């Protein structure tokens, strides 16, 4: 196996490319994708150039160029397509929910989007069972709720086609 890598450096660079592409699938930040592309370029050049030092320098230069020239453009394009999409806990702020057990400053349960959440009040009031309330913020796995909806410039969950 080692003999094959020594006699065929393109195979080594192809393995490096696949490994970097696999890491990119875990990070999704385009950093390892740029390095993976640099390894692919180096694999192609290694078919013509046998000098290993030159191959490593080429890999480093192409990686740096891709990271600083192409990656920012790709990230801007990705972020431009979803600029105000709210996700995770942020998406829940302002949504209505129903009190299942009285909610106090320390405890309670609410039904939020079909799930049961532990809850506490935002203002210290006690909210009775059956009351319709709104999420003010999420603290870990606890919904902080209040009788009135929190003030927000945009309706919660409705940012650019996001379904609540």
N, C-alpha and C. Protein backbone atom coordinates (compact mmCIF):
# COMPACT_ATOMS: atom_id res chain seq x y z
N UNK A 1 0.83 -1.20 0.00
CA UNK A 1 0.00 0.00 0.00
C UNK A 1 0.86 1.26 0.00
N UNK A 2 1.88 1.29 0.88
CA UNK A 2 2.76 2.46 0.95
C UNK A 2 3.52 2.62 -0.36
N UNK A 3 3.89 1.51 -0.98
CA UNK A 3 4.60 1.59 -2.25
C UNK A 3 3.73 2.26 -3.31
N UNK A 4 2.44 1.96 -3.29
CA UNK A 4 1.52 2.56 -4.26
C UNK A 4 1.43 4.07 -4.05
N UNK A 5 1.43 4.52 -2.80
CA UNK A 5 1.36 5.95 -2.52
C UNK A 5 2.66 6.67 -2.91
N UNK A 6 3.78 6.00 -2.71
CA UNK A 6 5.07 6.60 -3.05
C UNK A 6 5.24 6.69 -4.56
N UNK A 7 4.85 5.65 -5.26
CA UNK A 7 5.02 5.66 -6.72
C UNK A 7 3.92 6.42 -7.44
N UNK A 8 2.79 6.63 -6.79
CA UNK A 8 1.66 7.36 -7.37
C UNK A 8 1.22 8.47 -6.42
N UNK A 9 1.90 9.61 -6.42
CA UNK A 9 1.54 10.68 -5.48
C UNK A 9 0.12 11.22 -5.72
N UNK A 10 -0.38 11.08 -6.93
CA UNK A 10 -1.75 11.53 -7.20
C UNK A 10 -2.74 10.77 -6.35
N UNK A 11 -2.43 9.49 -6.05
CA UNK A 11 -3.30 8.68 -5.20
C UNK A 11 -3.31 9.22 -3.77
N UNK A 12 -2.13 9.62 -3.29
CA UNK A 12 -2.04 10.23 -1.96
C UNK A 12 -2.90 11.50 -1.89
N UNK A 13 -2.76 12.37 -2.90
CA UNK A 13 -3.52 13.62 -2.89
C UNK A 13 -5.02 13.37 -3.05
N UNK A 14 -5.38 12.32 -3.75
CA UNK A 14 -6.79 11.96 -3.87
C UNK A 14 -7.35 11.52 -2.51
N UNK A 15 -6.57 10.76 -1.76
CA UNK A 15 -6.99 10.33 -0.42
C UNK A 15 -7.11 11.54 0.50
N UNK A 16 -6.16 12.47 0.40
CA UNK A 16 -6.22 13.71 1.19
C UNK A 16 -7.48 14.49 0.83
N UNK A 17 -7.78 14.57 -0.46
CA UNK A 17 -8.98 15.28 -0.91
C UNK A 17 -10.25 14.67 -0.31
N UNK A 18 -10.34 13.34 -0.36
CA UNK A 18 -11.53 12.66 0.18
C UNK A 18 -11.63 12.85 1.69
N UNK A 19 -10.50 12.80 2.39
CA UNK A 19 -10.53 13.00 3.85
C UNK A 19 -10.97 14.42 4.19
N UNK A 20 -10.45 15.41 3.48
CA UNK A 20 -10.85 16.79 3.73
C UNK A 20 -12.32 17.02 3.37
N UNK A 21 -12.79 16.39 2.32
CA UNK A 21 -14.20 16.51 1.94
C UNK A 21 -15.10 15.89 3.02
N UNK A 22 -14.65 14.80 3.62
CA UNK A 22 -15.42 14.17 4.70
C UNK A 22 -15.48 15.09 5.92
N UNK A 23 -14.38 15.73 6.24
CA UNK A 23 -14.38 16.68 7.36
C UNK A 23 -15.29 17.86 7.05
N UNK A 24 -15.30 18.31 5.81
CA UNK A 24 -16.18 19.42 5.41
C UNK A 24 -17.64 19.06 5.63
N UNK A 25 -18.00 17.82 5.39
CA UNK A 25 -19.40 17.41 5.60
C UNK A 25 -19.80 17.53 7.06
N UNK A 26 -18.84 17.46 7.96
CA UNK A 26 -19.14 17.61 9.38
C UNK A 26 -19.17 19.06 9.82
N UNK A 27 -18.36 19.92 9.19
CA UNK A 27 -18.27 21.31 9.63
C UNK A 27 -19.17 22.26 8.83
N UNK A 28 -19.34 22.01 7.54
CA UNK A 28 -20.15 22.84 6.65
C UNK A 28 -19.77 24.32 6.72
N UNK A 29 -18.46 24.58 6.70
CA UNK A 29 -17.99 25.95 6.79
C UNK A 29 -17.18 26.36 5.56
N UNK A 30 -17.05 25.52 4.58
CA UNK A 30 -16.33 25.73 3.33
C UNK A 30 -14.81 25.79 3.49
N UNK A 31 -14.29 25.73 4.71
CA UNK A 31 -12.85 25.78 4.91
C UNK A 31 -12.20 24.50 4.37
N UNK A 32 -12.69 23.36 4.82
CA UNK A 32 -12.10 22.10 4.39
C UNK A 32 -12.46 21.78 2.94
N UNK A 33 -13.55 22.35 2.44
CA UNK A 33 -13.88 22.20 1.03
C UNK A 33 -12.82 22.86 0.16
N UNK A 34 -12.38 24.04 0.56
CA UNK A 34 -11.34 24.75 -0.19
C UNK A 34 -10.03 23.95 -0.17
N UNK A 35 -9.70 23.39 0.97
CA UNK A 35 -8.49 22.57 1.07
C UNK A 35 -8.64 21.29 0.25
N UNK A 36 -9.83 20.75 0.22
CA UNK A 36 -10.10 19.56 -0.57
C UNK A 36 -9.92 19.86 -2.06
N UNK A 37 -10.40 21.00 -2.50
CA UNK A 37 -10.21 21.40 -3.89
C UNK A 37 -8.73 21.61 -4.21
N UNK A 38 -8.00 22.17 -3.25
CA UNK A 38 -6.55 22.34 -3.44
C UNK A 38 -5.86 20.99 -3.57
N UNK A 39 -6.30 20.01 -2.80
CA UNK A 39 -5.72 18.66 -2.90
C UNK A 39 -6.05 18.05 -4.26
N UNK A 40 -7.23 18.33 -4.78
CA UNK A 40 -7.60 17.82 -6.11
C UNK A 40 -6.71 18.45 -7.19
N UNK A 41 -6.49 19.76 -7.09
CA UNK A 41 -5.60 20.43 -8.04
C UNK A 41 -4.20 19.84 -7.95
N UNK A 42 -3.72 19.63 -6.73
CA UNK A 42 -2.39 19.07 -6.52
C UNK A 42 -2.32 17.65 -7.06
N UNK A 43 -3.38 16.89 -6.93
CA UNK A 43 -3.40 15.53 -7.49
C UNK A 43 -3.22 15.58 -9.00
N UNK A 44 -3.89 16.52 -9.65
CA UNK A 44 -3.75 16.65 -11.09
C UNK A 44 -2.34 17.08 -11.49
N UNK A 45 -1.78 18.01 -10.76
CA UNK A 45 -0.43 18.49 -11.07
C UNK A 45 0.61 17.41 -10.78
N UNK A 46 0.36 16.56 -9.77
CA UNK A 46 1.32 15.52 -9.41
C UNK A 46 1.48 14.47 -10.51
N UNK A 47 0.56 14.45 -11.45
CA UNK A 47 0.72 13.55 -12.60
C UNK A 47 1.84 14.02 -13.52
N UNK A 48 2.13 15.33 -13.47
CA UNK A 48 3.15 15.92 -14.33
C UNK A 48 4.42 16.23 -13.56
N UNK A 49 4.27 16.75 -12.32
CA UNK A 49 5.42 17.18 -11.50
C UNK A 49 5.68 16.12 -10.44
N UNK A 50 6.88 15.60 -10.40
CA UNK A 50 7.22 14.54 -9.44
C UNK A 50 7.81 15.07 -8.15
N UNK A 51 8.21 16.33 -8.10
CA UNK A 51 8.84 16.91 -6.92
C UNK A 51 7.81 17.06 -5.80
N UNK A 52 8.00 16.31 -4.72
CA UNK A 52 7.05 16.30 -3.60
C UNK A 52 7.02 17.65 -2.90
N UNK A 53 8.17 18.28 -2.74
CA UNK A 53 8.22 19.60 -2.10
C UNK A 53 7.39 20.60 -2.89
N UNK A 54 7.53 20.58 -4.18
CA UNK A 54 6.75 21.48 -5.03
C UNK A 54 5.25 21.18 -4.91
N UNK A 55 4.89 19.93 -4.80
CA UNK A 55 3.48 19.56 -4.63
C UNK A 55 2.92 20.11 -3.32
N UNK A 56 3.69 19.99 -2.24
CA UNK A 56 3.24 20.49 -0.93
C UNK A 56 3.10 22.01 -0.97
N UNK A 57 4.05 22.69 -1.58
CA UNK A 57 3.98 24.15 -1.71
C UNK A 57 2.76 24.53 -2.56
N UNK A 58 2.53 23.82 -3.64
CA UNK A 58 1.36 24.09 -4.47
C UNK A 58 0.07 23.90 -3.68
N UNK A 59 -0.01 22.82 -2.92
CA UNK A 59 -1.20 22.58 -2.10
C UNK A 59 -1.42 23.74 -1.13
N UNK A 60 -0.36 24.19 -0.47
CA UNK A 60 -0.49 25.28 0.50
C UNK A 60 -0.92 26.58 -0.17
N UNK A 61 -0.31 26.90 -1.29
CA UNK A 61 -0.63 28.15 -1.99
C UNK A 61 -2.06 28.13 -2.51
N UNK A 62 -2.44 27.05 -3.14
CA UNK A 62 -3.81 26.95 -3.67
C UNK A 62 -4.82 26.96 -2.53
N UNK A 63 -4.53 26.31 -1.42
CA UNK A 63 -5.43 26.33 -0.26
C UNK A 63 -5.64 27.75 0.24
N UNK A 64 -4.54 28.47 0.43
CA UNK A 64 -4.63 29.85 0.93
C UNK A 64 -5.41 30.73 -0.05
N UNK A 65 -5.13 30.61 -1.33
CA UNK A 65 -5.86 31.40 -2.32
C UNK A 65 -7.35 31.10 -2.30
N UNK A 66 -7.70 29.83 -2.27
CA UNK A 66 -9.13 29.47 -2.25
C UNK A 66 -9.80 29.93 -0.97
N UNK A 67 -9.10 29.78 0.15
CA UNK A 67 -9.70 30.17 1.44
C UNK A 67 -9.94 31.67 1.50
N UNK A 68 -9.00 32.46 1.00
CA UNK A 68 -9.14 33.91 1.11
C UNK A 68 -9.84 34.57 -0.07
N UNK A 69 -9.93 33.91 -1.21
CA UNK A 69 -10.59 34.52 -2.36
C UNK A 69 -11.97 33.93 -2.64
N UNK A 70 -12.08 32.62 -2.68
CA UNK A 70 -13.34 31.97 -3.06
C UNK A 70 -14.28 31.78 -1.86
N UNK A 71 -13.74 31.35 -0.73
CA UNK A 71 -14.58 31.05 0.44
C UNK A 71 -15.43 32.23 0.88
N UNK A 72 -14.87 33.46 1.00
CA UNK A 72 -15.74 34.57 1.41
C UNK A 72 -16.90 34.81 0.46
N UNK A 73 -16.65 34.69 -0.85
CA UNK A 73 -17.74 34.87 -1.82
C UNK A 73 -18.80 33.78 -1.65
N UNK A 74 -18.37 32.55 -1.43
CA UNK A 74 -19.32 31.45 -1.26
C UNK A 74 -20.14 31.64 0.02
N UNK A 75 -19.49 32.06 1.10
CA UNK A 75 -20.23 32.29 2.34
C UNK A 75 -21.21 33.44 2.20
N UNK A 76 -20.81 34.53 1.52
CA UNK A 76 -21.74 35.64 1.30
C UNK A 76 -22.95 35.20 0.51
N UNK A 77 -22.70 34.40 -0.52
CA UNK A 77 -23.81 33.92 -1.35
C UNK A 77 -24.75 33.03 -0.54
N UNK A 78 -24.18 32.17 0.28
CA UNK A 78 -24.99 31.30 1.13
C UNK A 78 -25.79 32.11 2.13
N UNK A 79 -25.16 33.07 2.77
CA UNK A 79 -25.85 33.88 3.78
C UNK A 79 -26.86 34.83 3.16
N UNK A 80 -26.63 35.24 1.93
CA UNK A 80 -27.57 36.13 1.26
C UNK A 80 -28.89 35.41 0.98
N UNK A 81 -28.84 34.11 0.77
CA UNK A 81 -30.06 33.38 0.45
C UNK A 81 -30.94 33.16 1.67
N UNK A 82 -30.39 33.27 2.88
CA UNK A 82 -31.17 33.08 4.10
C UNK A 82 -30.78 34.10 5.17
N UNK A 83 -30.92 35.41 4.89
CA UNK A 83 -30.41 36.41 5.83
C UNK A 83 -31.19 36.52 7.13
N UNK A 84 -32.51 36.41 7.09
CA UNK A 84 -33.27 36.64 8.32
C UNK A 84 -34.05 35.40 8.76
N UNK A 85 -33.60 34.26 8.34
CA UNK A 85 -34.26 33.03 8.75
C UNK A 85 -33.90 32.74 10.20
N UNK A 86 -34.90 32.64 11.03
CA UNK A 86 -34.67 32.34 12.43
C UNK A 86 -34.69 30.83 12.62
N UNK A 87 -33.83 30.34 13.46
CA UNK A 87 -33.77 28.89 13.66
C UNK A 87 -33.64 28.57 15.13
N UNK A 88 -33.81 27.31 15.43
CA UNK A 88 -33.66 26.77 16.78
C UNK A 88 -34.54 27.52 17.78
N UNK A 89 -34.00 27.86 18.93
CA UNK A 89 -34.79 28.48 19.98
C UNK A 89 -35.26 29.88 19.58
N UNK A 90 -34.48 30.59 18.81
CA UNK A 90 -34.86 31.94 18.38
C UNK A 90 -36.19 31.94 17.63
N UNK A 91 -36.45 30.88 16.90
CA UNK A 91 -37.67 30.76 16.11
C UNK A 91 -38.92 30.67 16.99
N UNK A 92 -38.76 30.20 18.22
CA UNK A 92 -39.91 29.99 19.11
C UNK A 92 -40.37 31.27 19.80
N UNK A 93 -39.53 32.29 19.85
CA UNK A 93 -39.87 33.53 20.56
C UNK A 93 -41.08 34.18 19.91
N UNK A 94 -42.07 34.48 20.73
CA UNK A 94 -43.29 35.12 20.27
C UNK A 94 -44.41 34.16 19.91
N UNK A 95 -44.12 32.87 19.83
CA UNK A 95 -45.15 31.90 19.47
C UNK A 95 -46.13 31.70 20.64
N UNK A 96 -47.38 31.44 20.31
CA UNK A 96 -48.36 31.18 21.37
C UNK A 96 -48.21 29.76 21.91
N UNK A 97 -48.58 29.58 23.17
CA UNK A 97 -48.60 28.26 23.78
C UNK A 97 -49.69 28.23 24.84
N UNK A 98 -50.02 27.04 25.30
CA UNK A 98 -51.09 26.85 26.27
C UNK A 98 -50.52 26.30 27.57
N UNK A 99 -50.96 26.87 28.68
CA UNK A 99 -50.48 26.44 29.99
C UNK A 99 -51.15 25.11 30.34
N UNK A 100 -50.36 24.09 30.68
CA UNK A 100 -50.88 22.77 31.07
C UNK A 100 -50.92 22.62 32.59
N UNK A 101 -49.93 23.17 33.26
CA UNK A 101 -49.88 23.24 34.72
C UNK A 101 -49.58 24.68 35.07
N UNK A 102 -50.14 25.21 36.14
CA UNK A 102 -49.91 26.62 36.47
C UNK A 102 -48.42 26.97 36.38
N UNK A 103 -48.14 28.11 35.74
CA UNK A 103 -46.76 28.55 35.54
C UNK A 103 -46.47 29.67 36.54
N UNK A 104 -45.42 29.47 37.31
CA UNK A 104 -44.96 30.48 38.27
C UNK A 104 -43.57 30.94 37.88
N UNK A 105 -42.95 31.70 38.78
CA UNK A 105 -41.61 32.17 38.52
C UNK A 105 -40.59 31.03 38.54
N UNK A 106 -40.97 29.88 39.11
CA UNK A 106 -40.03 28.76 39.25
C UNK A 106 -40.41 27.50 38.51
N UNK A 107 -41.69 27.30 38.18
CA UNK A 107 -42.08 26.04 37.57
C UNK A 107 -43.37 26.18 36.76
N UNK A 108 -43.67 25.11 36.02
CA UNK A 108 -44.88 25.05 35.22
C UNK A 108 -44.63 24.28 33.94
N UNK A 109 -45.74 23.97 33.23
CA UNK A 109 -45.65 23.27 31.96
C UNK A 109 -46.53 23.96 30.93
N UNK A 110 -46.03 24.02 29.68
CA UNK A 110 -46.82 24.58 28.59
C UNK A 110 -46.72 23.65 27.39
N UNK A 111 -47.72 23.73 26.52
CA UNK A 111 -47.66 23.00 25.25
C UNK A 111 -47.28 24.02 24.18
N UNK A 112 -46.13 23.77 23.55
CA UNK A 112 -45.59 24.68 22.55
C UNK A 112 -45.34 23.89 21.28
N UNK A 113 -46.08 24.22 20.24
CA UNK A 113 -45.99 23.52 18.95
C UNK A 113 -46.12 22.01 19.10
N UNK A 114 -47.02 21.57 19.94
CA UNK A 114 -47.28 20.15 20.11
C UNK A 114 -46.38 19.46 21.11
N UNK A 115 -45.35 20.13 21.60
CA UNK A 115 -44.45 19.54 22.59
C UNK A 115 -44.71 20.15 23.95
N UNK A 116 -44.42 19.38 24.99
CA UNK A 116 -44.57 19.87 26.35
C UNK A 116 -43.23 20.40 26.83
N UNK A 117 -43.23 21.65 27.28
CA UNK A 117 -42.03 22.34 27.75
C UNK A 117 -42.18 22.71 29.22
N UNK A 118 -41.08 22.66 29.95
CA UNK A 118 -41.09 23.28 31.27
C UNK A 118 -41.12 24.77 31.04
N UNK A 119 -41.75 25.49 31.96
CA UNK A 119 -41.91 26.93 31.75
C UNK A 119 -41.83 27.68 33.07
N UNK A 120 -41.59 28.95 32.96
CA UNK A 120 -41.69 29.88 34.08
C UNK A 120 -42.11 31.21 33.51
N UNK A 121 -42.58 32.10 34.37
CA UNK A 121 -43.10 33.37 33.88
C UNK A 121 -41.99 34.38 33.70
N UNK A 122 -42.22 35.29 32.78
CA UNK A 122 -41.25 36.33 32.49
C UNK A 122 -41.35 37.47 33.50
N UNK A 123 -42.56 37.70 34.02
CA UNK A 123 -42.78 38.87 34.89
C UNK A 123 -43.08 38.51 36.34
N UNK A 124 -43.01 37.25 36.69
CA UNK A 124 -43.25 36.85 38.08
C UNK A 124 -44.70 36.55 38.41
N UNK A 125 -45.62 36.79 37.49
CA UNK A 125 -47.04 36.50 37.74
C UNK A 125 -47.28 35.00 37.65
N UNK A 126 -48.38 34.55 38.24
CA UNK A 126 -48.77 33.15 38.11
C UNK A 126 -49.80 33.05 37.00
N UNK A 127 -49.54 32.14 36.06
CA UNK A 127 -50.45 31.95 34.93
C UNK A 127 -51.23 30.66 35.15
N UNK A 128 -52.56 30.73 35.10
CA UNK A 128 -53.39 29.56 35.42
C UNK A 128 -53.42 28.53 34.29
N UNK A 129 -53.79 27.31 34.64
CA UNK A 129 -53.94 26.23 33.67
C UNK A 129 -54.96 26.63 32.61
N UNK A 130 -54.65 26.35 31.34
CA UNK A 130 -55.55 26.65 30.24
C UNK A 130 -55.33 28.03 29.63
N UNK A 131 -54.52 28.86 30.25
CA UNK A 131 -54.28 30.21 29.73
C UNK A 131 -53.47 30.15 28.44
N UNK A 132 -53.79 31.06 27.53
CA UNK A 132 -53.00 31.20 26.30
C UNK A 132 -51.92 32.25 26.56
N UNK A 133 -50.68 31.85 26.38
CA UNK A 133 -49.54 32.72 26.65
C UNK A 133 -48.60 32.75 25.46
N UNK A 134 -47.56 33.56 25.53
CA UNK A 134 -46.57 33.67 24.46
C UNK A 134 -45.16 33.48 25.02
N UNK A 135 -44.30 32.93 24.19
CA UNK A 135 -42.91 32.71 24.58
C UNK A 135 -42.15 34.04 24.48
N UNK A 136 -41.47 34.41 25.57
CA UNK A 136 -40.65 35.62 25.58
C UNK A 136 -39.19 35.30 25.28
N UNK A 137 -38.71 34.17 25.78
CA UNK A 137 -37.35 33.71 25.48
C UNK A 137 -37.25 32.25 25.87
N UNK A 138 -36.15 31.62 25.46
CA UNK A 138 -35.88 30.23 25.81
C UNK A 138 -34.60 30.22 26.64
N UNK A 139 -34.67 29.66 27.84
CA UNK A 139 -33.50 29.49 28.70
C UNK A 139 -33.22 28.00 28.80
N UNK A 140 -32.27 27.51 28.02
CA UNK A 140 -31.97 26.08 28.00
C UNK A 140 -33.15 25.31 27.46
N UNK A 141 -33.77 24.48 28.32
CA UNK A 141 -34.94 23.70 27.92
C UNK A 141 -36.21 24.25 28.58
N UNK A 142 -36.16 25.50 29.02
CA UNK A 142 -37.31 26.12 29.69
C UNK A 142 -37.79 27.31 28.88
N UNK A 143 -39.10 27.34 28.64
CA UNK A 143 -39.71 28.47 27.95
C UNK A 143 -40.10 29.51 28.98
N UNK A 144 -39.63 30.72 28.79
CA UNK A 144 -40.02 31.84 29.66
C UNK A 144 -41.19 32.50 28.95
N UNK A 145 -42.37 32.49 29.60
CA UNK A 145 -43.61 32.92 28.94
C UNK A 145 -44.24 34.09 29.67
N UNK A 146 -45.13 34.77 28.96
CA UNK A 146 -45.89 35.87 29.53
C UNK A 146 -47.27 35.91 28.90
N UNK A 147 -48.17 36.65 29.56
CA UNK A 147 -49.55 36.73 29.09
C UNK A 147 -49.65 37.51 27.78
N UNK A 148 -48.70 38.41 27.52
CA UNK A 148 -48.74 39.20 26.30
C UNK A 148 -47.57 38.80 25.40
N UNK A 149 -47.75 39.04 24.12
CA UNK A 149 -46.69 38.71 23.17
C UNK A 149 -45.56 39.72 23.31
N UNK A 150 -44.31 39.26 23.18
CA UNK A 150 -43.19 40.19 23.26
C UNK A 150 -43.17 41.11 22.05
N UNK A 151 -42.70 42.33 22.23
CA UNK A 151 -42.62 43.27 21.12
C UNK A 151 -41.50 42.85 20.19
N UNK A 152 -41.83 42.76 18.90
CA UNK A 152 -40.81 42.42 17.90
C UNK A 152 -41.14 43.15 16.61
N UNK A 153 -40.12 43.53 15.85
CA UNK A 153 -40.36 44.25 14.62
C UNK A 153 -41.01 43.41 13.53
N UNK A 154 -40.86 42.10 13.61
CA UNK A 154 -41.41 41.21 12.59
C UNK A 154 -42.18 40.09 13.27
N UNK A 155 -43.25 39.65 12.67
CA UNK A 155 -44.04 38.57 13.26
C UNK A 155 -43.15 37.34 13.44
N UNK A 156 -43.21 36.70 14.59
CA UNK A 156 -42.33 35.55 14.85
C UNK A 156 -42.60 34.40 13.90
N UNK A 157 -41.51 33.80 13.44
CA UNK A 157 -41.64 32.62 12.61
C UNK A 157 -42.06 32.91 11.18
N UNK A 158 -42.31 34.17 10.86
CA UNK A 158 -42.77 34.49 9.51
C UNK A 158 -41.70 35.17 8.68
N UNK A 159 -40.47 35.09 9.11
CA UNK A 159 -39.39 35.72 8.38
C UNK A 159 -39.10 34.96 7.10
N UNK A 160 -39.42 35.59 5.98
CA UNK A 160 -39.11 35.05 4.65
C UNK A 160 -39.57 33.60 4.45
N UNK A 161 -40.80 33.34 4.73
CA UNK A 161 -41.36 32.05 4.39
C UNK A 161 -41.12 30.96 5.43
N UNK A 162 -40.63 31.31 6.60
CA UNK A 162 -40.43 30.30 7.63
C UNK A 162 -41.77 29.99 8.25
N UNK A 163 -42.12 28.75 8.32
CA UNK A 163 -43.40 28.32 8.85
C UNK A 163 -43.28 28.18 10.38
N UNK A 164 -44.17 28.79 11.15
CA UNK A 164 -44.09 28.67 12.61
C UNK A 164 -44.37 27.26 13.08
